[in-house]
Amino acid sequence: MAQVPMEHGLYVAGLLFCLGLVGVLVRRDLLFVLMSIEIMLNAAGMAFVVAGAGWQQPDGQIMFIFILTMAAAEVAVGLALIVQFHHHFKTLDADAARRMRG
């Protein structure tokens, strides 16, 4: 069975991370920003798994499990904040956050 070179996997992970970063910087909708952050976390996890597989170590998979756990917590808190934001401002536009006072 042929193996994919480590460089190719890291290129794909870097490309996914860049796509997520562009989504965070360009989009105004908070839900799309949250999804872009998830893409960035998955790209980082993919880089860990690829590097761990290239070095024949299980550390990359362990880090990926940690990243998945952190992403699940981030989604739970992020979606709760987005629901409250929408309830208060009736929009998901990130520019509406300027009207917030603390």
PDB file of N, CA and C in Angstrom:
ATOM      1  N   MET A   1       0.847  -1.162   0.000  1.00  0.00           N
ATOM      2  CA  MET A   1       0.000   0.000   0.000  1.00  0.00           C
ATOM      3  C   MET A   1       0.900   1.234   0.000  1.00  0.00           C
ATOM      4  N   ALA A   2       0.675   2.123  -0.932  1.00  0.00           N
ATOM      5  CA  ALA A   2       1.517   3.316  -1.057  1.00  0.00           C
ATOM      6  C   ALA A   2       1.118   4.353  -0.014  1.00  0.00           C
ATOM      7  N   GLN A   3       2.118   5.048   0.492  1.00  0.00           N
ATOM      8  CA  GLN A   3       1.865   6.088   1.488  1.00  0.00           C
ATOM      9  C   GLN A   3       1.995   7.457   0.834  1.00  0.00           C
ATOM     10  N   VAL A   4       1.197   8.377   1.322  1.00  0.00           N
ATOM     11  CA  VAL A   4       1.263   9.758   0.848  1.00  0.00           C
ATOM     12  C   VAL A   4       2.435  10.419   1.554  1.00  0.00           C
ATOM     13  N   PRO A   5       3.288  11.143   0.833  1.00  0.00           N
ATOM     14  CA  PRO A   5       4.414  11.816   1.486  1.00  0.00           C
ATOM     15  C   PRO A   5       3.922  12.850   2.516  1.00  0.00           C
ATOM     16  N   MET A   6       4.710  13.018   3.556  1.00  0.00           N
ATOM     17  CA  MET A   6       4.333  13.922   4.639  1.00  0.00           C
ATOM     18  C   MET A   6       4.167  15.354   4.136  1.00  0.00           C
ATOM     19  N   GLU A   7       4.973  15.750   3.165  1.00  0.00           N
ATOM     20  CA  GLU A   7       4.896  17.119   2.651  1.00  0.00           C
ATOM     21  C   GLU A   7       3.534  17.411   2.029  1.00  0.00           C
ATOM     22  N   HIS A   8       2.967  16.426   1.328  1.00  0.00           N
ATOM     23  CA  HIS A   8       1.668  16.624   0.685  1.00  0.00           C
ATOM     24  C   HIS A   8       0.571  16.824   1.729  1.00  0.00           C
ATOM     25  N   GLY A   9       0.605  16.028   2.775  1.00  0.00           N
ATOM     26  CA  GLY A   9      -0.378  16.189   3.851  1.00  0.00           C
ATOM     27  C   GLY A   9      -0.250  17.535   4.545  1.00  0.00           C
ATOM     28  N   LEU A  10       0.992  17.982   4.742  1.00  0.00           N
ATOM     29  CA  LEU A  10       1.189  19.282   5.380  1.00  0.00           C
ATOM     30  C   LEU A  10       0.780  20.421   4.454  1.00  0.00           C
ATOM     31  N   TYR A  11       0.952  20.251   3.143  1.00  0.00           N
ATOM     32  CA  TYR A  11       0.481  21.267   2.197  1.00  0.00           C
ATOM     33  C   TYR A  11      -1.040  21.396   2.256  1.00  0.00           C
ATOM     34  N   VAL A  12      -1.729  20.262   2.306  1.00  0.00           N
ATOM     35  CA  VAL A  12      -3.194  20.282   2.381  1.00  0.00           C
ATOM     36  C   VAL A  12      -3.639  20.927   3.693  1.00  0.00           C
ATOM     37  N   ALA A  13      -2.969  20.592   4.788  1.00  0.00           N
ATOM     38  CA  ALA A  13      -3.319  21.191   6.079  1.00  0.00           C
ATOM     39  C   ALA A  13      -3.074  22.705   6.047  1.00  0.00           C
ATOM     40  N   GLY A  14      -1.980  23.120   5.434  1.00  0.00           N
ATOM     41  CA  GLY A  14      -1.707  24.554   5.321  1.00  0.00           C
ATOM     42  C   GLY A  14      -2.735  25.256   4.456  1.00  0.00           C
ATOM     43  N   LEU A  15      -3.148  24.611   3.365  1.00  0.00           N
ATOM     44  CA  LEU A  15      -4.166  25.184   2.493  1.00  0.00           C
ATOM     45  C   LEU A  15      -5.495  25.329   3.235  1.00  0.00           C
ATOM     46  N   LEU A  16      -5.889  24.298   3.982  1.00  0.00           N
ATOM     47  CA  LEU A  16      -7.121  24.374   4.762  1.00  0.00           C
ATOM     48  C   LEU A  16      -7.047  25.477   5.809  1.00  0.00           C
ATOM     49  N   PHE A  17      -5.898  25.603   6.460  1.00  0.00           N
ATOM     50  CA  PHE A  17      -5.742  26.650   7.460  1.00  0.00           C
ATOM     51  C   PHE A  17      -5.870  28.030   6.818  1.00  0.00           C
ATOM     52  N   CYS A  18      -5.266  28.209   5.647  1.00  0.00           N
ATOM     53  CA  CYS A  18      -5.364  29.503   4.948  1.00  0.00           C
ATOM     54  C   CYS A  18      -6.797  29.791   4.523  1.00  0.00           C
ATOM     55  N   LEU A  19      -7.531  28.778   4.066  1.00  0.00           N
ATOM     56  CA  LEU A  19      -8.933  28.971   3.703  1.00  0.00           C
ATOM     57  C   LEU A  19      -9.761  29.379   4.918  1.00  0.00           C
ATOM     58  N   GLY A  20      -9.495  28.752   6.055  1.00  0.00           N
ATOM     59  CA  GLY A  20     -10.197  29.138   7.275  1.00  0.00           C
ATOM     60  C   GLY A  20      -9.855  30.550   7.705  1.00  0.00           C
ATOM     61  N   LEU A  21      -8.593  30.924   7.574  1.00  0.00           N
ATOM     62  CA  LEU A  21      -8.172  32.277   7.940  1.00  0.00           C
ATOM     63  C   LEU A  21      -8.832  33.323   7.042  1.00  0.00           C
ATOM     64  N   VAL A  22      -8.908  33.028   5.747  1.00  0.00           N
ATOM     65  CA  VAL A  22      -9.590  33.947   4.827  1.00  0.00           C
ATOM     66  C   VAL A  22     -11.067  34.067   5.200  1.00  0.00           C
ATOM     67  N   GLY A  23     -11.678  32.956   5.576  1.00  0.00           N
ATOM     68  CA  GLY A  23     -13.082  32.992   5.996  1.00  0.00           C
ATOM     69  C   GLY A  23     -13.287  33.837   7.233  1.00  0.00           C
ATOM     70  N   VAL A  24     -12.365  33.772   8.188  1.00  0.00           N
ATOM     71  CA  VAL A  24     -12.477  34.590   9.398  1.00  0.00           C
ATOM     72  C   VAL A  24     -12.311  36.061   9.067  1.00  0.00           C
ATOM     73  N   LEU A  25     -11.373  36.377   8.187  1.00  0.00           N
ATOM     74  CA  LEU A  25     -11.081  37.777   7.905  1.00  0.00           C
ATOM     75  C   LEU A  25     -12.087  38.424   6.953  1.00  0.00           C
ATOM     76  N   VAL A  26     -12.703  37.648   6.068  1.00  0.00           N
ATOM     77  CA  VAL A  26     -13.555  38.229   5.029  1.00  0.00           C
ATOM     78  C   VAL A  26     -15.030  38.230   5.416  1.00  0.00           C
ATOM     79  N   ARG A  27     -15.507  37.167   6.011  1.00  0.00           N
ATOM     80  CA  ARG A  27     -16.939  37.037   6.281  1.00  0.00           C
ATOM     81  C   ARG A  27     -17.379  37.934   7.429  1.00  0.00           C
ATOM     82  N   ARG A  28     -18.613  38.397   7.380  1.00  0.00           N
ATOM     83  CA  ARG A  28     -19.185  39.222   8.444  1.00  0.00           C
ATOM     84  C   ARG A  28     -20.171  38.437   9.310  1.00  0.00           C
ATOM     85  N   ASP A  29     -20.696  37.356   8.777  1.00  0.00           N
ATOM     86  CA  ASP A  29     -21.674  36.557   9.502  1.00  0.00           C
ATOM     87  C   ASP A  29     -20.968  35.735  10.582  1.00  0.00           C
ATOM     88  N   LEU A  30     -21.445  35.838  11.814  1.00  0.00           N
ATOM     89  CA  LEU A  30     -20.767  35.174  12.931  1.00  0.00           C
ATOM     90  C   LEU A  30     -20.785  33.655  12.809  1.00  0.00           C
ATOM     91  N   LEU A  31     -21.827  33.104  12.214  1.00  0.00           N
ATOM     92  CA  LEU A  31     -21.885  31.653  12.048  1.00  0.00           C
ATOM     93  C   LEU A  31     -20.803  31.166  11.087  1.00  0.00           C
ATOM     94  N   PHE A  32     -20.576  31.911  10.010  1.00  0.00           N
ATOM     95  CA  PHE A  32     -19.516  31.547   9.065  1.00  0.00           C
ATOM     96  C   PHE A  32     -18.129  31.749   9.684  1.00  0.00           C
ATOM     97  N   VAL A  33     -17.993  32.752  10.536  1.00  0.00           N
ATOM     98  CA  VAL A  33     -16.724  32.947  11.235  1.00  0.00           C
ATOM     99  C   VAL A  33     -16.445  31.756  12.145  1.00  0.00           C
ATOM    100  N   LEU A  34     -17.475  31.292  12.851  1.00  0.00           N
ATOM    101  CA  LEU A  34     -17.320  30.124  13.725  1.00  0.00           C
ATOM    102  C   LEU A  34     -16.957  28.880  12.912  1.00  0.00           C
ATOM    103  N   MET A  35     -17.574  28.709  11.748  1.00  0.00           N
ATOM    104  CA  MET A  35     -17.249  27.567  10.892  1.00  0.00           C
ATOM    105  C   MET A  35     -15.827  27.667  10.358  1.00  0.00           C
ATOM    106  N   SER A  36     -15.372  28.871  10.057  1.00  0.00           N
ATOM    107  CA  SER A  36     -14.003  29.058   9.579  1.00  0.00           C
ATOM    108  C   SER A  36     -12.991  28.726  10.666  1.00  0.00           C
ATOM    109  N   ILE A  37     -13.305  29.063  11.891  1.00  0.00           N
ATOM    110  CA  ILE A  37     -12.424  28.703  13.008  1.00  0.00           C
ATOM    111  C   ILE A  37     -12.359  27.188  13.154  1.00  0.00           C
ATOM    112  N   GLU A  38     -13.478  26.516  12.940  1.00  0.00           N
ATOM    113  CA  GLU A  38     -13.481  25.052  12.990  1.00  0.00           C
ATOM    114  C   GLU A  38     -12.603  24.465  11.885  1.00  0.00           C
ATOM    115  N   ILE A  39     -12.643  25.047  10.710  1.00  0.00           N
ATOM    116  CA  ILE A  39     -11.779  24.579   9.613  1.00  0.00           C
ATOM    117  C   ILE A  39     -10.315  24.746   9.997  1.00  0.00           C
ATOM    118  N   MET A  40      -9.989  25.878  10.628  1.00  0.00           N
ATOM    119  CA  MET A  40      -8.601  26.110  11.052  1.00  0.00           C
ATOM    120  C   MET A  40      -8.174  25.089  12.107  1.00  0.00           C
ATOM    121  N   LEU A  41      -9.053  24.778  13.061  1.00  0.00           N
ATOM    122  CA  LEU A  41      -8.716  23.771  14.077  1.00  0.00           C
ATOM    123  C   LEU A  41      -8.537  22.390  13.454  1.00  0.00           C
ATOM    124  N   ASN A  42      -9.385  22.044  12.496  1.00  0.00           N
ATOM    125  CA  ASN A  42      -9.239  20.748  11.821  1.00  0.00           C
ATOM    126  C   ASN A  42      -7.954  20.686  11.003  1.00  0.00           C
ATOM    127  N   ALA A  43      -7.552  21.812  10.413  1.00  0.00           N
ATOM    128  CA  ALA A  43      -6.291  21.835   9.666  1.00  0.00           C
ATOM    129  C   ALA A  43      -5.110  21.621  10.606  1.00  0.00           C
ATOM    130  N   ALA A  44      -5.159  22.244  11.777  1.00  0.00           N
ATOM    131  CA  ALA A  44      -4.082  22.038  12.753  1.00  0.00           C
ATOM    132  C   ALA A  44      -4.052  20.582  13.219  1.00  0.00           C
ATOM    133  N   GLY A  45      -5.226  20.001  13.441  1.00  0.00           N
ATOM    134  CA  GLY A  45      -5.278  18.588  13.821  1.00  0.00           C
ATOM    135  C   GLY A  45      -4.764  17.676  12.729  1.00  0.00           C
ATOM    136  N   MET A  46      -5.082  18.008  11.493  1.00  0.00           N
ATOM    137  CA  MET A  46      -4.576  17.209  10.373  1.00  0.00           C
ATOM    138  C   MET A  46      -3.056  17.285  10.292  1.00  0.00           C
ATOM    139  N   ALA A  47      -2.504  18.461  10.537  1.00  0.00           N
ATOM    140  CA  ALA A  47      -1.046  18.605  10.521  1.00  0.00           C
ATOM    141  C   ALA A  47      -0.412  17.745  11.612  1.00  0.00           C
ATOM    142  N   PHE A  48      -1.024  17.708  12.788  1.00  0.00           N
ATOM    143  CA  PHE A  48      -0.502  16.858  13.865  1.00  0.00           C
ATOM    144  C   PHE A  48      -0.552  15.386  13.486  1.00  0.00           C
ATOM    145  N   VAL A  49      -1.655  14.942  12.907  1.00  0.00           N
ATOM    146  CA  VAL A  49      -1.789  13.529  12.533  1.00  0.00           C
ATOM    147  C   VAL A  49      -0.798  13.157  11.437  1.00  0.00           C
ATOM    148  N   VAL A  50      -0.648  14.022  10.439  1.00  0.00           N
ATOM    149  CA  VAL A  50       0.290  13.750   9.343  1.00  0.00           C
ATOM    150  C   VAL A  50       1.722  13.698   9.870  1.00  0.00           C
ATOM    151  N   ALA A  51       2.082  14.647  10.722  1.00  0.00           N
ATOM    152  CA  ALA A  51       3.441  14.650  11.273  1.00  0.00           C
ATOM    153  C   ALA A  51       3.678  13.427  12.156  1.00  0.00           C
ATOM    154  N   GLY A  52       2.685  13.066  12.949  1.00  0.00           N
ATOM    155  CA  GLY A  52       2.829  11.877  13.786  1.00  0.00           C
ATOM    156  C   GLY A  52       2.956  10.602  12.962  1.00  0.00           C
ATOM    157  N   ALA A  53       2.201  10.525  11.878  1.00  0.00           N
ATOM    158  CA  ALA A  53       2.295   9.346  11.012  1.00  0.00           C
ATOM    159  C   ALA A  53       3.635   9.313  10.298  1.00  0.00           C
ATOM    160  N   GLY A  54       4.145  10.471   9.918  1.00  0.00           N
ATOM    161  CA  GLY A  54       5.441  10.522   9.243  1.00  0.00           C
ATOM    162  C   GLY A  54       6.586  10.125  10.149  1.00  0.00           C
ATOM    163  N   TRP A  55       6.436  10.410  11.444  1.00  0.00           N
ATOM    164  CA  TRP A  55       7.492  10.083  12.403  1.00  0.00           C
ATOM    165  C   TRP A  55       7.204   8.787  13.162  1.00  0.00           C
ATOM    166  N   GLN A  56       6.125   8.090  12.776  1.00  0.00           N
ATOM    167  CA  GLN A  56       5.733   6.819  13.399  1.00  0.00           C
ATOM    168  C   GLN A  56       5.507   6.960  14.904  1.00  0.00           C
ATOM    169  N   GLN A  57       4.864   8.044  15.295  1.00  0.00           N
ATOM    170  CA  GLN A  57       4.559   8.299  16.708  1.00  0.00           C
ATOM    171  C   GLN A  57       3.049   8.524  16.859  1.00  0.00           C
ATOM    172  N   PRO A  58       2.455   8.037  17.948  1.00  0.00           N
ATOM    173  CA  PRO A  58       1.015   8.259  18.156  1.00  0.00           C
ATOM    174  C   PRO A  58       0.700   9.636  18.740  1.00  0.00           C
ATOM    175  N   ASP A  59       1.703  10.470  18.953  1.00  0.00           N
ATOM    176  CA  ASP A  59       1.478  11.769  19.586  1.00  0.00           C
ATOM    177  C   ASP A  59       0.556  12.665  18.764  1.00  0.00           C
ATOM    178  N   GLY A  60       0.620  12.578  17.457  1.00  0.00           N
ATOM    179  CA  GLY A  60      -0.230  13.394  16.597  1.00  0.00           C
ATOM    180  C   GLY A  60      -1.701  13.060  16.773  1.00  0.00           C
ATOM    181  N   GLN A  61      -2.013  11.779  16.921  1.00  0.00           N
ATOM    182  CA  GLN A  61      -3.399  11.374  17.126  1.00  0.00           C
ATOM    183  C   GLN A  61      -3.894  11.796  18.501  1.00  0.00           C
ATOM    184  N   ILE A  62      -3.033  11.767  19.488  1.00  0.00           N
ATOM    185  CA  ILE A  62      -3.407  12.220  20.832  1.00  0.00           C
ATOM    186  C   ILE A  62      -3.706  13.714  20.816  1.00  0.00           C
ATOM    187  N   MET A  63      -2.873  14.482  20.129  1.00  0.00           N
ATOM    188  CA  MET A  63      -3.118  15.915  20.022  1.00  0.00           C
ATOM    189  C   MET A  63      -4.405  16.192  19.245  1.00  0.00           C
ATOM    190  N   PHE A  64      -4.705  15.370  18.245  1.00  0.00           N
ATOM    191  CA  PHE A  64      -5.933  15.562  17.483  1.00  0.00           C
ATOM    192  C   PHE A  64      -7.159  15.322  18.356  1.00  0.00           C
ATOM    193  N   ILE A  65      -7.098  14.340  19.224  1.00  0.00           N
ATOM    194  CA  ILE A  65      -8.211  14.100  20.154  1.00  0.00           C
ATOM    195  C   ILE A  65      -8.382  15.304  21.075  1.00  0.00           C
ATOM    196  N   PHE A  66      -7.279  15.884  21.535  1.00  0.00           N
ATOM    197  CA  PHE A  66      -7.357  17.092  22.359  1.00  0.00           C
ATOM    198  C   PHE A  66      -7.968  18.244  21.566  1.00  0.00           C
ATOM    199  N   ILE A  67      -7.575  18.402  20.308  1.00  0.00           N
ATOM    200  CA  ILE A  67      -8.112  19.481  19.467  1.00  0.00           C
ATOM    201  C   ILE A  67      -9.608  19.271  19.231  1.00  0.00           C
ATOM    202  N   LEU A  68     -10.035  18.034  19.003  1.00  0.00           N
ATOM    203  CA  LEU A  68     -11.461  17.764  18.829  1.00  0.00           C
ATOM    204  C   LEU A  68     -12.250  18.096  20.087  1.00  0.00           C
ATOM    205  N   THR A  69     -11.692  17.777  21.250  1.00  0.00           N
ATOM    206  CA  THR A  69     -12.354  18.101  22.509  1.00  0.00           C
ATOM    207  C   THR A  69     -12.469  19.607  22.682  1.00  0.00           C
ATOM    208  N   MET A  70     -11.401  20.315  22.383  1.00  0.00           N
ATOM    209  CA  MET A  70     -11.409  21.767  22.496  1.00  0.00           C
ATOM    210  C   MET A  70     -12.388  22.372  21.485  1.00  0.00           C
ATOM    211  N   ALA A  71     -12.458  21.820  20.291  1.00  0.00           N
ATOM    212  CA  ALA A  71     -13.373  22.334  19.275  1.00  0.00           C
ATOM    213  C   ALA A  71     -14.827  22.112  19.680  1.00  0.00           C
ATOM    214  N   ALA A  72     -15.111  20.980  20.317  1.00  0.00           N
ATOM    215  CA  ALA A  72     -16.482  20.728  20.772  1.00  0.00           C
ATOM    216  C   ALA A  72     -16.893  21.738  21.846  1.00  0.00           C
ATOM    217  N   ALA A  73     -15.986  22.044  22.750  1.00  0.00           N
ATOM    218  CA  ALA A  73     -16.285  23.047  23.775  1.00  0.00           C
ATOM    219  C   ALA A  73     -16.449  24.426  23.146  1.00  0.00           C
ATOM    220  N   GLU A  74     -15.613  24.732  22.161  1.00  0.00           N
ATOM    221  CA  GLU A  74     -15.692  26.029  21.478  1.00  0.00           C
ATOM    222  C   GLU A  74     -17.011  26.161  20.732  1.00  0.00           C
ATOM    223  N   VAL A  75     -17.476  25.094  20.113  1.00  0.00           N
ATOM    224  CA  VAL A  75     -18.746  25.134  19.398  1.00  0.00           C
ATOM    225  C   VAL A  75     -19.900  25.326  20.375  1.00  0.00           C
ATOM    226  N   ALA A  76     -19.865  24.634  21.486  1.00  0.00           N
ATOM    227  CA  ALA A  76     -20.954  24.767  22.461  1.00  0.00           C
ATOM    228  C   ALA A  76     -21.054  26.197  22.987  1.00  0.00           C
ATOM    229  N   VAL A  77     -19.931  26.770  23.378  1.00  0.00           N
ATOM    230  CA  VAL A  77     -19.936  28.135  23.893  1.00  0.00           C
ATOM    231  C   VAL A  77     -20.217  29.130  22.768  1.00  0.00           C
ATOM    232  N   GLY A  78     -19.604  28.930  21.613  1.00  0.00           N
ATOM    233  CA  GLY A  78     -19.792  29.845  20.496  1.00  0.00           C
ATOM    234  C   GLY A  78     -21.226  29.886  20.006  1.00  0.00           C
ATOM    235  N   LEU A  79     -21.874  28.738  19.876  1.00  0.00           N
ATOM    236  CA  LEU A  79     -23.261  28.726  19.428  1.00  0.00           C
ATOM    237  C   LEU A  79     -24.188  29.349  20.460  1.00  0.00           C
ATOM    238  N   ALA A  80     -23.906  29.143  21.743  1.00  0.00           N
ATOM    239  CA  ALA A  80     -24.710  29.790  22.780  1.00  0.00           C
ATOM    240  C   ALA A  80     -24.566  31.314  22.703  1.00  0.00           C
ATOM    241  N   LEU A  81     -23.351  31.790  22.471  1.00  0.00           N
ATOM    242  CA  LEU A  81     -23.142  33.230  22.329  1.00  0.00           C
ATOM    243  C   LEU A  81     -23.816  33.771  21.076  1.00  0.00           C
ATOM    244  N   ILE A  82     -23.768  33.018  19.991  1.00  0.00           N
ATOM    245  CA  ILE A  82     -24.402  33.462  18.754  1.00  0.00           C
ATOM    246  C   ILE A  82     -25.920  33.521  18.923  1.00  0.00           C
ATOM    247  N   VAL A  83     -26.506  32.541  19.599  1.00  0.00           N
ATOM    248  CA  VAL A  83     -27.954  32.569  19.834  1.00  0.00           C
ATOM    249  C   VAL A  83     -28.334  33.793  20.669  1.00  0.00           C
ATOM    250  N   GLN A  84     -27.565  34.080  21.714  1.00  0.00           N
ATOM    251  CA  GLN A  84     -27.847  35.258  22.537  1.00  0.00           C
ATOM    252  C   GLN A  84     -27.634  36.547  21.747  1.00  0.00           C
ATOM    253  N   PHE A  85     -26.616  36.586  20.934  1.00  0.00           N
ATOM    254  CA  PHE A  85     -26.339  37.759  20.091  1.00  0.00           C
ATOM    255  C   PHE A  85     -27.502  37.998  19.132  1.00  0.00           C
ATOM    256  N   HIS A  86     -27.988  36.929  18.504  1.00  0.00           N
ATOM    257  CA  HIS A  86     -29.109  37.058  17.572  1.00  0.00           C
ATOM    258  C   HIS A  86     -30.385  37.460  18.307  1.00  0.00           C
ATOM    259  N   HIS A  87     -30.572  36.944  19.496  1.00  0.00           N
ATOM    260  CA  HIS A  87     -31.760  37.291  20.276  1.00  0.00           C
ATOM    261  C   HIS A  87     -31.753  38.773  20.643  1.00  0.00           C
ATOM    262  N   HIS A  88     -30.600  39.308  20.932  1.00  0.00           N
ATOM    263  CA  HIS A  88     -30.493  40.707  21.363  1.00  0.00           C
ATOM    264  C   HIS A  88     -30.486  41.685  20.198  1.00  0.00           C
ATOM    265  N   PHE A  89     -29.714  41.390  19.139  1.00  0.00           N
ATOM    266  CA  PHE A  89     -29.537  42.332  18.036  1.00  0.00           C
ATOM    267  C   PHE A  89     -30.354  41.996  16.790  1.00  0.00           C
ATOM    268  N   LYS A  90     -30.980  40.831  16.725  1.00  0.00           N
ATOM    269  CA  LYS A  90     -31.775  40.389  15.578  1.00  0.00           C
ATOM    270  C   LYS A  90     -30.956  40.292  14.288  1.00  0.00           C
ATOM    271  N   THR A  91     -29.658  40.093  14.399  1.00  0.00           N
ATOM    272  CA  THR A  91     -28.780  39.912  13.247  1.00  0.00           C
ATOM    273  C   THR A  91     -27.556  39.116  13.685  1.00  0.00           C
ATOM    274  N   LEU A  92     -26.859  38.543  12.723  1.00  0.00           N
ATOM    275  CA  LEU A  92     -25.607  37.849  13.006  1.00  0.00           C
ATOM    276  C   LEU A  92     -24.418  38.583  12.402  1.00  0.00           C
ATOM    277  N   ASP A  93     -24.626  39.838  12.004  1.00  0.00           N
ATOM    278  CA  ASP A  93     -23.561  40.646  11.429  1.00  0.00           C
ATOM    279  C   ASP A  93     -22.563  41.030  12.519  1.00  0.00           C
ATOM    280  N   ALA A  94     -21.294  40.761  12.251  1.00  0.00           N
ATOM    281  CA  ALA A  94     -20.265  41.036  13.261  1.00  0.00           C
ATOM    282  C   ALA A  94     -20.110  42.531  13.550  1.00  0.00           C
ATOM    283  N   ASP A  95     -20.498  43.384  12.599  1.00  0.00           N
ATOM    284  CA  ASP A  95     -20.416  44.823  12.837  1.00  0.00           C
ATOM    285  C   ASP A  95     -21.421  45.300  13.871  1.00  0.00           C
ATOM    286  N   ALA A  96     -22.464  44.523  14.115  1.00  0.00           N
ATOM    287  CA  ALA A  96     -23.447  44.898  15.132  1.00  0.00           C
ATOM    288  C   ALA A  96     -22.859  44.831  16.535  1.00  0.00           C
ATOM    289  N   ALA A  97     -21.737  44.154  16.684  1.00  0.00           N
ATOM    290  CA  ALA A  97     -21.098  44.047  18.005  1.00  0.00           C
ATOM    291  C   ALA A  97     -20.547  45.397  18.468  1.00  0.00           C
ATOM    292  N   ARG A  98     -20.399  46.329  17.556  1.00  0.00           N
ATOM    293  CA  ARG A  98     -19.933  47.658  17.949  1.00  0.00           C
ATOM    294  C   ARG A  98     -20.934  48.367  18.850  1.00  0.00           C
ATOM    295  N   ARG A  99     -22.202  47.986  18.741  1.00  0.00           N
ATOM    296  CA  ARG A  99     -23.227  48.624  19.571  1.00  0.00           C
ATOM    297  C   ARG A  99     -23.269  48.084  20.987  1.00  0.00           C
ATOM    298  N   MET A 100     -22.462  47.061  21.257  1.00  0.00           N
ATOM    299  CA  MET A 100     -22.454  46.471  22.594  1.00  0.00           C
ATOM    300  C   MET A 100     -21.736  47.395  23.563  1.00  0.00           C
ATOM    301  N   ARG A 101     -22.264  47.454  24.744  1.00  0.00           N
ATOM    302  CA  ARG A 101     -21.626  48.230  25.811  1.00  0.00           C
ATOM    303  C   ARG A 101     -21.396  47.296  26.979  1.00  0.00           C
ATOM    304  N   GLY A 102     -20.270  47.481  27.677  1.00  0.00           N
ATOM    305  CA  GLY A 102     -19.970  46.570  28.779  1.00  0.00           C
ATOM    306  C   GLY A 102     -19.685  47.246  30.060  1.00  0.00           C
TER     307      GLY A 102
END
